[in-house]
Structures are given as C-alpha cells and as structure tokens.
Amino acid sequence: MEYAKDIVLNLKSGQEVNKRDWRRTRNRRRNNQKAGIFSKTLGKLLRHKIITTIAIATIGFMAIDIYLVTSFVNVLVRI
C-alpha cells in the first residue's frame, strides 16, 4: 500500500508529503475529468480499441446478415 502511494505521488523513499499539495493535485485531476460527454466517450473508445473494433464489427455483420436474409426472403416470395 505504501509503495503504491509512493508511485502515485511520484515520491522517493523518505520524502514528506504536504497535505495541501495532495489535495490540490487531487482537485486538479477532478477538474480535468469534468470534460464533456463526447470527449469522455471518445477517450474511452480510444483507450479500448480492441473492444470497440469487435463491437463495431459485430454490429456491421448483424446489419449485413439482416440485409441478406430479407433479400433471400424477397427472392423466395417472388418464386
């Protein structure tokens, strides 16, 4: 736990932490996260490229499948 805190705060061993600085950095992170919904969504899509690609491919294949099935049904109706 102590080591993880040192990594997050970029501390070397034995360095003192000023609580005011800790609160300021935490508030800065929160203020930076108050972006619009579009930028949040875009950020998540860029972070999870593989999952996004799989989801888009799945939706695309489902659309192509629906189109092919309806075309086939239309061919059967004409016969």
C-alpha atoms as a PDB file:
ATOM      1  CA  MET A   1       0.000   0.000   0.000  1.00  0.00           C
ATOM      2  CA  GLU A   2       2.755   2.400   0.922  1.00  0.00           C
ATOM      3  CA  TYR A   3       4.671   1.593  -2.250  1.00  0.00           C
ATOM      4  CA  ALA A   4       1.588   2.199  -4.417  1.00  0.00           C
ATOM      5  CA  LYS A   5       1.066   5.596  -2.779  1.00  0.00           C
ATOM      6  CA  ASP A   6       4.703   6.483  -3.435  1.00  0.00           C
ATOM      7  CA  ILE A   7       4.289   5.618  -7.109  1.00  0.00           C
ATOM      8  CA  VAL A   8       1.073   7.629  -7.452  1.00  0.00           C
ATOM      9  CA  LEU A   9       2.549  10.670  -5.752  1.00  0.00           C
ATOM     10  CA  ASN A  10       5.928  10.310  -7.522  1.00  0.00           C
ATOM     11  CA  LEU A  11       7.791  10.192  -4.214  1.00  0.00           C
ATOM     12  CA  LYS A  12      11.225   8.920  -3.451  1.00  0.00           C
ATOM     13  CA  SER A  13      11.601   6.993  -0.226  1.00  0.00           C
ATOM     14  CA  GLY A  14      11.640   9.212   2.852  1.00  0.00           C
ATOM     15  CA  GLN A  15      10.130  12.256   1.159  1.00  0.00           C
ATOM     16  CA  GLU A  16       7.481  14.207   3.069  1.00  0.00           C
ATOM     17  CA  VAL A  17       4.028  14.806   1.616  1.00  0.00           C
ATOM     18  CA  ASN A  18       2.331  18.143   2.075  1.00  0.00           C
ATOM     19  CA  LYS A  19      -1.414  17.584   2.510  1.00  0.00           C
ATOM     20  CA  ARG A  20      -2.270  20.784   0.691  1.00  0.00           C
ATOM     21  CA  ASP A  21      -0.311  19.703  -2.362  1.00  0.00           C
ATOM     22  CA  TRP A  22      -2.023  16.305  -2.255  1.00  0.00           C
ATOM     23  CA  ARG A  23      -5.454  17.925  -2.169  1.00  0.00           C
ATOM     24  CA  ARG A  24      -4.567  20.330  -4.980  1.00  0.00           C
ATOM     25  CA  THR A  25      -3.383  17.573  -7.264  1.00  0.00           C
ATOM     26  CA  ARG A  26      -6.477  15.536  -6.490  1.00  0.00           C
ATOM     27  CA  ASN A  27      -8.714  18.525  -7.264  1.00  0.00           C
ATOM     28  CA  ARG A  28      -6.811  19.209 -10.487  1.00  0.00           C
ATOM     29  CA  ARG A  29      -7.440  15.640 -11.582  1.00  0.00           C
ATOM     30  CA  ARG A  30     -11.128  16.032 -10.830  1.00  0.00           C
ATOM     31  CA  ASN A  31     -11.312  19.331 -12.734  1.00  0.00           C
ATOM     32  CA  ASN A  32      -9.611  17.769 -15.734  1.00  0.00           C
ATOM     33  CA  GLN A  33     -12.163  14.972 -15.682  1.00  0.00           C
ATOM     34  CA  LYS A  34     -15.058  17.429 -15.955  1.00  0.00           C
ATOM     35  CA  ALA A  35     -14.956  17.259 -19.733  1.00  0.00           C
ATOM     36  CA  GLY A  36     -17.960  16.925 -21.987  1.00  0.00           C
ATOM     37  CA  ILE A  37     -19.698  13.627 -22.595  1.00  0.00           C
ATOM     38  CA  PHE A  38     -18.366  13.494 -26.162  1.00  0.00           C
ATOM     39  CA  SER A  39     -14.741  13.791 -25.089  1.00  0.00           C
ATOM     40  CA  LYS A  40     -15.236  11.226 -22.318  1.00  0.00           C
ATOM     41  CA  THR A  41     -16.781   8.758 -24.759  1.00  0.00           C
ATOM     42  CA  LEU A  42     -14.080   9.391 -27.341  1.00  0.00           C
ATOM     43  CA  GLY A  43     -11.415   8.879 -24.688  1.00  0.00           C
ATOM     44  CA  LYS A  44     -12.901   5.564 -23.655  1.00  0.00           C
ATOM     45  CA  LEU A  45     -13.165   4.429 -27.265  1.00  0.00           C
ATOM     46  CA  LEU A  46      -9.525   5.291 -27.877  1.00  0.00           C
ATOM     47  CA  ARG A  47      -8.461   3.513 -24.695  1.00  0.00           C
ATOM     48  CA  HIS A  48     -10.357   0.311 -25.538  1.00  0.00           C
ATOM     49  CA  LYS A  49      -9.591  -0.086 -29.233  1.00  0.00           C
ATOM     50  CA  ILE A  50      -9.990  -3.869 -29.428  1.00  0.00           C
ATOM     51  CA  ILE A  51     -13.370  -3.938 -27.688  1.00  0.00           C
ATOM     52  CA  THR A  52     -14.580  -1.035 -29.840  1.00  0.00           C
ATOM     53  CA  THR A  53     -13.448  -2.776 -33.026  1.00  0.00           C
ATOM     54  CA  ILE A  54     -15.172  -6.008 -32.023  1.00  0.00           C
ATOM     55  CA  ALA A  55     -18.412  -4.190 -31.182  1.00  0.00           C
ATOM     56  CA  ILE A  56     -18.441  -2.234 -34.472  1.00  0.00           C
ATOM     57  CA  ALA A  57     -17.648  -5.387 -36.478  1.00  0.00           C
ATOM     58  CA  THR A  58     -20.427  -7.310 -34.708  1.00  0.00           C
ATOM     59  CA  ILE A  59     -22.998  -4.607 -35.417  1.00  0.00           C
ATOM     60  CA  GLY A  60     -21.831  -4.432 -39.040  1.00  0.00           C
ATOM     61  CA  PHE A  61     -22.110  -8.188 -39.513  1.00  0.00           C
ATOM     62  CA  MET A  62     -25.578  -8.164 -37.954  1.00  0.00           C
ATOM     63  CA  ALA A  63     -26.685  -5.438 -40.391  1.00  0.00           C
ATOM     64  CA  ILE A  64     -25.278  -7.356 -43.373  1.00  0.00           C
ATOM     65  CA  ASP A  65     -26.974 -10.543 -42.150  1.00  0.00           C
ATOM     66  CA  ILE A  66     -30.351  -8.809 -41.845  1.00  0.00           C
ATOM     67  CA  TYR A  67     -29.960  -7.382 -45.349  1.00  0.00           C
ATOM     68  CA  LEU A  68     -29.052 -10.784 -46.825  1.00  0.00           C
ATOM     69  CA  VAL A  69     -31.915 -12.573 -45.043  1.00  0.00           C
ATOM     70  CA  THR A  70     -34.502 -10.009 -46.204  1.00  0.00           C
ATOM     71  CA  SER A  71     -33.145 -10.219 -49.761  1.00  0.00           C
ATOM     72  CA  PHE A  72     -33.396 -14.016 -49.671  1.00  0.00           C
ATOM     73  CA  VAL A  73     -36.957 -13.858 -48.341  1.00  0.00           C
ATOM     74  CA  ASN A  74     -37.872 -11.454 -51.135  1.00  0.00           C
ATOM     75  CA  VAL A  75     -36.438 -13.894 -53.702  1.00  0.00           C
ATOM     76  CA  LEU A  76     -38.485 -16.729 -52.188  1.00  0.00           C
ATOM     77  CA  VAL A  77     -41.670 -14.617 -52.252  1.00  0.00           C
ATOM     78  CA  ARG A  78     -41.228 -13.910 -55.966  1.00  0.00           C
ATOM     79  CA  ILE A  79     -40.975 -17.633 -56.832  1.00  0.00           C
END
